[in-house]
ModelCIF file with pLDDT and N, C-alpha, C, O atoms, coordinates in Angstrom:
data_MODEL
#
_entry.id   MODEL 
#
_entity.id                         1 
_entity.type                       polymer 
_entity.pdbx_number_of_molecules   1 
#
_entity_poly.entity_id                      1 
_entity_poly.type                           'polypeptide(L)' 
_entity_poly.nstd_linkage                   no 
_entity_poly.nstd_monomer                   no 
_entity_poly.pdbx_seq_one_letter_code       RPSCAASGIIFSVYAASWYRQAPGKQRELV 
_entity_poly.pdbx_seq_one_letter_code_can   RPSCAASGIIFSVYAASWYRQAPGKQRELV 
_entity_poly.pdbx_strand_id                 A 
#
loop_
_entity_poly_seq.entity_id 
_entity_poly_seq.num 
_entity_poly_seq.mon_id 
_entity_poly_seq.hetero 
1 1  ARG n 
1 2  PRO n 
1 3  SER n 
1 4  CYS n 
1 5  ALA n 
1 6  ALA n 
1 7  SER n 
1 8  GLY n 
1 9  ILE n 
1 10 ILE n 
1 11 PHE n 
1 12 SER n 
1 13 VAL n 
1 14 TYR n 
1 15 ALA n 
1 16 ALA n 
1 17 SER n 
1 18 TRP n 
1 19 TYR n 
1 20 ARG n 
1 21 GLN n 
1 22 ALA n 
1 23 PRO n 
1 24 GLY n 
1 25 LYS n 
1 26 GLN n 
1 27 ARG n 
1 28 GLU n 
1 29 LEU n 
1 30 VAL n 
#
_struct_asym.id          A 
_struct_asym.entity_id   1 
#
loop_
_ma_qa_metric.id 
_ma_qa_metric.mode 
_ma_qa_metric.name 
_ma_qa_metric.software_group_id 
_ma_qa_metric.type 
1 global pLDDT . pLDDT 
2 local  pLDDT . pLDDT 
#
_ma_qa_metric_global.metric_id      1 
_ma_qa_metric_global.metric_value   94.73 
_ma_qa_metric_global.model_id       1 
_ma_qa_metric_global.ordinal_id     1 
#
loop_
_ma_qa_metric_local.label_asym_id 
_ma_qa_metric_local.label_comp_id 
_ma_qa_metric_local.label_seq_id 
_ma_qa_metric_local.metric_id 
_ma_qa_metric_local.metric_value 
_ma_qa_metric_local.model_id 
_ma_qa_metric_local.ordinal_id 
A ARG 1  2 98.00 1 1  
A PRO 2  2 98.00 1 2  
A SER 3  2 98.00 1 3  
A CYS 4  2 97.00 1 4  
A ALA 5  2 96.00 1 5  
A ALA 6  2 95.00 1 6  
A SER 7  2 92.00 1 7  
A GLY 8  2 90.00 1 8  
A ILE 9  2 85.00 1 9  
A ILE 10 2 85.00 1 10 
A PHE 11 2 88.00 1 11 
A SER 12 2 88.00 1 12 
A VAL 13 2 90.00 1 13 
A TYR 14 2 93.00 1 14 
A ALA 15 2 95.00 1 15 
A ALA 16 2 97.00 1 16 
A SER 17 2 97.00 1 17 
A TRP 18 2 98.00 1 18 
A TYR 19 2 98.00 1 19 
A ARG 20 2 98.00 1 20 
A GLN 21 2 98.00 1 21 
A ALA 22 2 97.00 1 22 
A PRO 23 2 92.00 1 23 
A GLY 24 2 95.00 1 24 
A LYS 25 2 96.00 1 25 
A GLN 26 2 97.00 1 26 
A ARG 27 2 97.00 1 27 
A GLU 28 2 98.00 1 28 
A LEU 29 2 98.00 1 29 
A VAL 30 2 98.00 1 30 
#
loop_
_atom_site.group_PDB 
_atom_site.id 
_atom_site.type_symbol 
_atom_site.label_atom_id 
_atom_site.label_alt_id 
_atom_site.label_comp_id 
_atom_site.label_asym_id 
_atom_site.label_entity_id 
_atom_site.label_seq_id 
_atom_site.pdbx_PDB_ins_code 
_atom_site.Cartn_x 
_atom_site.Cartn_y 
_atom_site.Cartn_z 
_atom_site.occupancy 
_atom_site.B_iso_or_equiv 
_atom_site.pdbx_formal_charge 
_atom_site.auth_seq_id 
_atom_site.auth_comp_id 
_atom_site.auth_asym_id 
_atom_site.auth_atom_id 
_atom_site.pdbx_PDB_model_num 
ATOM 1   N N  . ARG A 1 1  ? 1.099   -7.884 -11.440 1.00 98.00 ? 1  ARG A N  1 
ATOM 2   C CA . ARG A 1 1  ? 1.978   -7.834 -10.272 1.00 98.00 ? 1  ARG A CA 1 
ATOM 3   C C  . ARG A 1 1  ? 2.412   -6.402 -10.009 1.00 98.00 ? 1  ARG A C  1 
ATOM 4   O O  . ARG A 1 1  ? 3.523   -6.015 -10.373 1.00 98.00 ? 1  ARG A O  1 
ATOM 5   N N  . PRO A 1 2  ? 1.551   -5.609 -9.382  1.00 98.00 ? 2  PRO A N  1 
ATOM 6   C CA . PRO A 1 2  ? 1.976   -4.252 -9.027  1.00 98.00 ? 2  PRO A CA 1 
ATOM 7   C C  . PRO A 1 2  ? 3.123   -4.290 -8.009  1.00 98.00 ? 2  PRO A C  1 
ATOM 8   O O  . PRO A 1 2  ? 3.251   -5.228 -7.223  1.00 98.00 ? 2  PRO A O  1 
ATOM 9   N N  . SER A 1 3  ? 3.936   -3.257 -8.049  1.00 98.00 ? 3  SER A N  1 
ATOM 10  C CA . SER A 1 3  ? 5.015   -3.122 -7.081  1.00 98.00 ? 3  SER A CA 1 
ATOM 11  C C  . SER A 1 3  ? 4.983   -1.722 -6.480  1.00 98.00 ? 3  SER A C  1 
ATOM 12  O O  . SER A 1 3  ? 4.409   -0.798 -7.055  1.00 98.00 ? 3  SER A O  1 
ATOM 13  N N  . CYS A 1 4  ? 5.601   -1.582 -5.330  1.00 97.00 ? 4  CYS A N  1 
ATOM 14  C CA . CYS A 1 4  ? 5.642   -0.307 -4.607  1.00 97.00 ? 4  CYS A CA 1 
ATOM 15  C C  . CYS A 1 4  ? 7.066   -0.108 -4.110  1.00 97.00 ? 4  CYS A C  1 
ATOM 16  O O  . CYS A 1 4  ? 7.547   -0.854 -3.258  1.00 97.00 ? 4  CYS A O  1 
ATOM 17  N N  . ALA A 1 5  ? 7.729   0.894  -4.643  1.00 96.00 ? 5  ALA A N  1 
ATOM 18  C CA . ALA A 1 5  ? 9.105   1.187  -4.269  1.00 96.00 ? 5  ALA A CA 1 
ATOM 19  C C  . ALA A 1 5  ? 9.138   2.315  -3.241  1.00 96.00 ? 5  ALA A C  1 
ATOM 20  O O  . ALA A 1 5  ? 8.548   3.375  -3.452  1.00 96.00 ? 5  ALA A O  1 
ATOM 21  N N  . ALA A 1 6  ? 9.826   2.080  -2.136  1.00 95.00 ? 6  ALA A N  1 
ATOM 22  C CA . ALA A 1 6  ? 9.901   3.069  -1.060  1.00 95.00 ? 6  ALA A CA 1 
ATOM 23  C C  . ALA A 1 6  ? 11.257  3.761  -1.058  1.00 95.00 ? 6  ALA A C  1 
ATOM 24  O O  . ALA A 1 6  ? 12.276  3.149  -1.377  1.00 95.00 ? 6  ALA A O  1 
ATOM 25  N N  . SER A 1 7  ? 11.262  5.030  -0.699  1.00 92.00 ? 7  SER A N  1 
ATOM 26  C CA . SER A 1 7  ? 12.505  5.772  -0.525  1.00 92.00 ? 7  SER A CA 1 
ATOM 27  C C  . SER A 1 7  ? 12.346  6.716  0.667   1.00 92.00 ? 7  SER A C  1 
ATOM 28  O O  . SER A 1 7  ? 11.236  7.083  1.053   1.00 92.00 ? 7  SER A O  1 
ATOM 29  N N  . GLY A 1 8  ? 13.484  7.094  1.233   1.00 90.00 ? 8  GLY A N  1 
ATOM 30  C CA . GLY A 1 8  ? 13.451  8.010  2.366   1.00 90.00 ? 8  GLY A CA 1 
ATOM 31  C C  . GLY A 1 8  ? 13.162  7.365  3.697   1.00 90.00 ? 8  GLY A C  1 
ATOM 32  O O  . GLY A 1 8  ? 13.010  8.061  4.701   1.00 90.00 ? 8  GLY A O  1 
ATOM 33  N N  . ILE A 1 9  ? 13.080  6.017  3.727   1.00 85.00 ? 9  ILE A N  1 
ATOM 34  C CA . ILE A 1 9  ? 12.812  5.305  4.970   1.00 85.00 ? 9  ILE A CA 1 
ATOM 35  C C  . ILE A 1 9  ? 13.680  4.066  5.050   1.00 85.00 ? 9  ILE A C  1 
ATOM 36  O O  . ILE A 1 9  ? 14.189  3.578  4.041   1.00 85.00 ? 9  ILE A O  1 
ATOM 37  N N  . ILE A 1 10 ? 13.843  3.562  6.269   1.00 85.00 ? 10 ILE A N  1 
ATOM 38  C CA . ILE A 1 10 ? 14.459  2.249  6.455   1.00 85.00 ? 10 ILE A CA 1 
ATOM 39  C C  . ILE A 1 10 ? 13.335  1.243  6.307   1.00 85.00 ? 10 ILE A C  1 
ATOM 40  O O  . ILE A 1 10 ? 12.673  0.905  7.287   1.00 85.00 ? 10 ILE A O  1 
ATOM 41  N N  . PHE A 1 11 ? 13.115  0.769  5.113   1.00 88.00 ? 11 PHE A N  1 
ATOM 42  C CA . PHE A 1 11 ? 11.919  0.020  4.768   1.00 88.00 ? 11 PHE A CA 1 
ATOM 43  C C  . PHE A 1 11 ? 11.755  -1.233 5.611   1.00 88.00 ? 11 PHE A C  1 
ATOM 44  O O  . PHE A 1 11 ? 10.630  -1.649 5.886   1.00 88.00 ? 11 PHE A O  1 
ATOM 45  N N  . SER A 1 12 ? 12.851  -1.836 6.022   1.00 88.00 ? 12 SER A N  1 
ATOM 46  C CA . SER A 1 12 ? 12.785  -3.113 6.739   1.00 88.00 ? 12 SER A CA 1 
ATOM 47  C C  . SER A 1 12 ? 12.074  -3.010 8.086   1.00 88.00 ? 12 SER A C  1 
ATOM 48  O O  . SER A 1 12 ? 11.660  -4.035 8.628   1.00 88.00 ? 12 SER A O  1 
ATOM 49  N N  . VAL A 1 13 ? 11.918  -1.812 8.645   1.00 90.00 ? 13 VAL A N  1 
ATOM 50  C CA . VAL A 1 13 ? 11.243  -1.683 9.937   1.00 90.00 ? 13 VAL A CA 1 
ATOM 51  C C  . VAL A 1 13 ? 9.784   -1.296 9.777   1.00 90.00 ? 13 VAL A C  1 
ATOM 52  O O  . VAL A 1 13 ? 9.090   -1.081 10.772  1.00 90.00 ? 13 VAL A O  1 
ATOM 53  N N  . TYR A 1 14 ? 9.307   -1.202 8.543   1.00 93.00 ? 14 TYR A N  1 
ATOM 54  C CA . TYR A 1 14 ? 7.939   -0.808 8.263   1.00 93.00 ? 14 TYR A CA 1 
ATOM 55  C C  . TYR A 1 14 ? 7.077   -2.020 7.922   1.00 93.00 ? 14 TYR A C  1 
ATOM 56  O O  . TYR A 1 14 ? 7.479   -2.879 7.138   1.00 93.00 ? 14 TYR A O  1 
ATOM 57  N N  . ALA A 1 15 ? 5.884   -2.079 8.521   1.00 95.00 ? 15 ALA A N  1 
ATOM 58  C CA . ALA A 1 15 ? 4.855   -2.972 8.005   1.00 95.00 ? 15 ALA A CA 1 
ATOM 59  C C  . ALA A 1 15 ? 4.361   -2.381 6.683   1.00 95.00 ? 15 ALA A C  1 
ATOM 60  O O  . ALA A 1 15 ? 4.357   -1.162 6.511   1.00 95.00 ? 15 ALA A O  1 
ATOM 61  N N  . ALA A 1 16 ? 3.952   -3.227 5.767   1.00 97.00 ? 16 ALA A N  1 
ATOM 62  C CA . ALA A 1 16 ? 3.493   -2.749 4.457   1.00 97.00 ? 16 ALA A CA 1 
ATOM 63  C C  . ALA A 1 16 ? 2.173   -3.411 4.102   1.00 97.00 ? 16 ALA A C  1 
ATOM 64  O O  . ALA A 1 16 ? 1.880   -4.522 4.544   1.00 97.00 ? 16 ALA A O  1 
ATOM 65  N N  . SER A 1 17 ? 1.398   -2.728 3.316   1.00 97.00 ? 17 SER A N  1 
ATOM 66  C CA . SER A 1 17 ? 0.106   -3.268 2.929   1.00 97.00 ? 17 SER A CA 1 
ATOM 67  C C  . SER A 1 17 ? -0.352  -2.654 1.614   1.00 97.00 ? 17 SER A C  1 
ATOM 68  O O  . SER A 1 17 ? 0.147   -1.621 1.167   1.00 97.00 ? 17 SER A O  1 
ATOM 69  N N  . TRP A 1 18 ? -1.313  -3.327 1.023   1.00 98.00 ? 18 TRP A N  1 
ATOM 70  C CA . TRP A 1 18 ? -1.990  -2.840 -0.172  1.00 98.00 ? 18 TRP A CA 1 
ATOM 71  C C  . TRP A 1 18 ? -3.464  -2.626 0.163   1.00 98.00 ? 18 TRP A C  1 
ATOM 72  O O  . TRP A 1 18 ? -4.109  -3.473 0.781   1.00 98.00 ? 18 TRP A O  1 
ATOM 73  N N  . TYR A 1 19 ? -3.981  -1.469 -0.261  1.00 98.00 ? 19 TYR A N  1 
ATOM 74  C CA . TYR A 1 19 ? -5.400  -1.154 -0.161  1.00 98.00 ? 19 TYR A CA 1 
ATOM 75  C C  . TYR A 1 19 ? -5.931  -0.934 -1.571  1.00 98.00 ? 19 TYR A C  1 
ATOM 76  O O  . TYR A 1 19 ? -5.161  -0.761 -2.516  1.00 98.00 ? 19 TYR A O  1 
ATOM 77  N N  . ARG A 1 20 ? -7.235  -0.944 -1.702  1.00 98.00 ? 20 ARG A N  1 
ATOM 78  C CA . ARG A 1 20 ? -7.830  -0.593 -2.983  1.00 98.00 ? 20 ARG A CA 1 
ATOM 79  C C  . ARG A 1 20 ? -9.106  0.212  -2.754  1.00 98.00 ? 20 ARG A C  1 
ATOM 80  O O  . ARG A 1 20 ? -9.762  0.111  -1.718  1.00 98.00 ? 20 ARG A O  1 
ATOM 81  N N  . GLN A 1 21 ? -9.424  1.007  -3.755  1.00 98.00 ? 21 GLN A N  1 
ATOM 82  C CA . GLN A 1 21 ? -10.638 1.802  -3.702  1.00 98.00 ? 21 GLN A CA 1 
ATOM 83  C C  . GLN A 1 21 ? -11.298 1.795  -5.074  1.00 98.00 ? 21 GLN A C  1 
ATOM 84  O O  . GLN A 1 21 ? -10.743 2.285  -6.057  1.00 98.00 ? 21 GLN A O  1 
ATOM 85  N N  . ALA A 1 22 ? -12.490 1.230  -5.113  1.00 97.00 ? 22 ALA A N  1 
ATOM 86  C CA . ALA A 1 22 ? -13.284 1.211  -6.340  1.00 97.00 ? 22 ALA A CA 1 
ATOM 87  C C  . ALA A 1 22 ? -14.176 2.446  -6.363  1.00 97.00 ? 22 ALA A C  1 
ATOM 88  O O  . ALA A 1 22 ? -14.452 3.027  -5.313  1.00 97.00 ? 22 ALA A O  1 
ATOM 89  N N  . PRO A 1 23 ? -14.628 2.853  -7.545  1.00 92.00 ? 23 PRO A N  1 
ATOM 90  C CA . PRO A 1 23 ? -15.487 4.044  -7.645  1.00 92.00 ? 23 PRO A CA 1 
ATOM 91  C C  . PRO A 1 23 ? -16.716 3.914  -6.758  1.00 92.00 ? 23 PRO A C  1 
ATOM 92  O O  . PRO A 1 23 ? -17.416 2.903  -6.798  1.00 92.00 ? 23 PRO A O  1 
ATOM 93  N N  . GLY A 1 24 ? -16.974 4.943  -5.958  1.00 95.00 ? 24 GLY A N  1 
ATOM 94  C CA . GLY A 1 24 ? -18.141 4.961  -5.102  1.00 95.00 ? 24 GLY A CA 1 
ATOM 95  C C  . GLY A 1 24 ? -18.056 4.108  -3.860  1.00 95.00 ? 24 GLY A C  1 
ATOM 96  O O  . GLY A 1 24 ? -19.032 3.979  -3.122  1.00 95.00 ? 24 GLY A O  1 
ATOM 97  N N  . LYS A 1 25 ? -16.883 3.519  -3.620  1.00 96.00 ? 25 LYS A N  1 
ATOM 98  C CA . LYS A 1 25 ? -16.715 2.651  -2.448  1.00 96.00 ? 25 LYS A CA 1 
ATOM 99  C C  . LYS A 1 25 ? -15.596 3.167  -1.554  1.00 96.00 ? 25 LYS A C  1 
ATOM 100 O O  . LYS A 1 25 ? -14.754 3.959  -1.976  1.00 96.00 ? 25 LYS A O  1 
ATOM 101 N N  . GLN A 1 26 ? -15.607 2.697  -0.299  1.00 97.00 ? 26 GLN A N  1 
ATOM 102 C CA . GLN A 1 26 ? -14.544 3.071  0.631   1.00 97.00 ? 26 GLN A CA 1 
ATOM 103 C C  . GLN A 1 26 ? -13.264 2.309  0.325   1.00 97.00 ? 26 GLN A C  1 
ATOM 104 O O  . GLN A 1 26 ? -13.289 1.222  -0.253  1.00 97.00 ? 26 GLN A O  1 
ATOM 105 N N  . ARG A 1 27 ? -12.162 2.893  0.720   1.00 97.00 ? 27 ARG A N  1 
ATOM 106 C CA . ARG A 1 27 ? -10.886 2.201  0.586   1.00 97.00 ? 27 ARG A CA 1 
ATOM 107 C C  . ARG A 1 27 ? -10.880 0.998  1.533   1.00 97.00 ? 27 ARG A C  1 
ATOM 108 O O  . ARG A 1 27 ? -11.306 1.102  2.684   1.00 97.00 ? 27 ARG A O  1 
ATOM 109 N N  . GLU A 1 28 ? -10.398 -0.134 1.040   1.00 98.00 ? 28 GLU A N  1 
ATOM 110 C CA . GLU A 1 28 ? -10.392 -1.355 1.833   1.00 98.00 ? 28 GLU A CA 1 
ATOM 111 C C  . GLU A 1 28 ? -9.018  -2.019 1.801   1.00 98.00 ? 28 GLU A C  1 
ATOM 112 O O  . GLU A 1 28 ? -8.278  -1.922 0.822   1.00 98.00 ? 28 GLU A O  1 
ATOM 113 N N  . LEU A 1 29 ? -8.703  -2.695 2.906   1.00 98.00 ? 29 LEU A N  1 
ATOM 114 C CA . LEU A 1 29 ? -7.448  -3.432 2.998   1.00 98.00 ? 29 LEU A CA 1 
ATOM 115 C C  . LEU A 1 29 ? -7.532  -4.684 2.131   1.00 98.00 ? 29 LEU A C  1 
ATOM 116 O O  . LEU A 1 29 ? -8.500  -5.440 2.205   1.00 98.00 ? 29 LEU A O  1 
ATOM 117 N N  . VAL A 1 30 ? -6.509  -4.891 1.314   1.00 98.00 ? 30 VAL A N  1 
ATOM 118 C CA . VAL A 1 30 ? -6.429  -6.071 0.459   1.00 98.00 ? 30 VAL A CA 1 
ATOM 119 C C  . VAL A 1 30 ? -5.474  -7.104 1.050   1.00 98.00 ? 30 VAL A C  1 
ATOM 120 O O  . VAL A 1 30 ? -5.278  -8.169 0.464   1.00 98.00 ? 30 VAL A O  1 
#
């Protein structure tokens, strides 16, 4: 269960997402 903590922004107005990038591959939306 990875987590992502935000600072310096009003987080509630931001859309959020997770991407991943495997070796030799493009970054993709998860």
